[in-house]
């Protein structure tokens, strides 16, 4: 540790960046049996988990020969999916094991060793990251934590959620991230919203984990993250995390197909944390958490129903209207669904309804520009056309909104 600290104190930023590049490569290399299915879930094992893929054949074979079940490492990620045999790491491991010995017990021992090494590498890198943040806290806090060094450290932390890990390793990753958020809240809740968005996306993905223990850990981390946002804003709101979580859910619906019982269970855990938090009982924080989870459920339900009623135009429009309302606080996402509604109305010959959708989009953009100080009237400019335009006043303000490319002359897709 002393040698590393001395090196970090003398090394220029380019060398430190190279150091983190090496850490990322090591973390990515020492993973075990990464899932080949792209459904956005990570999978870890524990002593109560069922085995799957090719491991049961080895273990059952060992049990029949030795008269007992071979003890399997609790850090071993389960191999899942019908494409398990196509994993290059597995094939290389099997070939080398078979070449040295045909004993099934030796193969299982080799698998356990690989799994334990992967977890040890994960824990070692987490220790290094923690040591680095302790000794470079001042540098990481420069420019309100909006700097290249902070981005490099955060990307390394995030890699552990992007690469398949065991349930045991993930538990330590969540603990490390909780400490990281506590030390550097301004990196997530101030300035650009990129880090907050990436964090929310990866943690929500873990809320869809097949391991109940990992679901609980991820839900606890997400609740802690929202509470830190509330405290950072002097107990006024959780605007930043609210907006980024809604955006992350929208992305994950397409990327990972979330929304099943596992994800609903995680949302219930978050609500339970909010209801049972005695320190927050007299604040409006529990109500904000409840509102957020309610909006997420609305998005998930409407998306599922749209798939069922895609051939029923009227029902489809009603569902899209419901979804657009659930995005009332998020301009870019609300506009997307309003445009989608307009296209359906135009295709069905309901031109007045399509025009009304575009009026709502114009009012939404006007309200956004007013809050940025670029337009004087906002949504009331359209009040004479329809009283329903008041809906566009529900937009939540956040500094991360500055990334939305709206102006008076040309507003992206809508002109």
Foldseek 3Di string as FASTA:
>chain_A
DVVVLVCVVPDDPVVVLVVLVVLLVLLQVLDPQWAPDQQLAFFAFAPPDDADDCVVVLQVVVCVVVVHGDDADRFQGHHDDPCSCVPPVVVVLVVVQVVVHPRSVSSRVSSRVSSVVSLVSLVVSLVVLVVVCVSCVVVCCPPLNPDDVSVSSLVSLLSPLVTHGHPVSLLVSLVSVLVVCVSRVSNCAPDANVSVLSVLLSLLSQLLYPDPVSVLSSLVSLLSNQVVCCVVVVNDASLSNLQSNLVSLVVSCVRNVDDDPSSVVSLVSSLVCLVPVPVCPPGCSSVRSVLSSVLSNLLSVLVVVCVVCVVPLVVNLVSLVSNLLSCLQPLVVNLVSLQVSLVSCVVVVNNVSSVVSLLLNVLLLQQVCVVVVQHPDHQVVCCVVDVVSCSNVNHDDGNNCVVQPQHDPDRPPRD
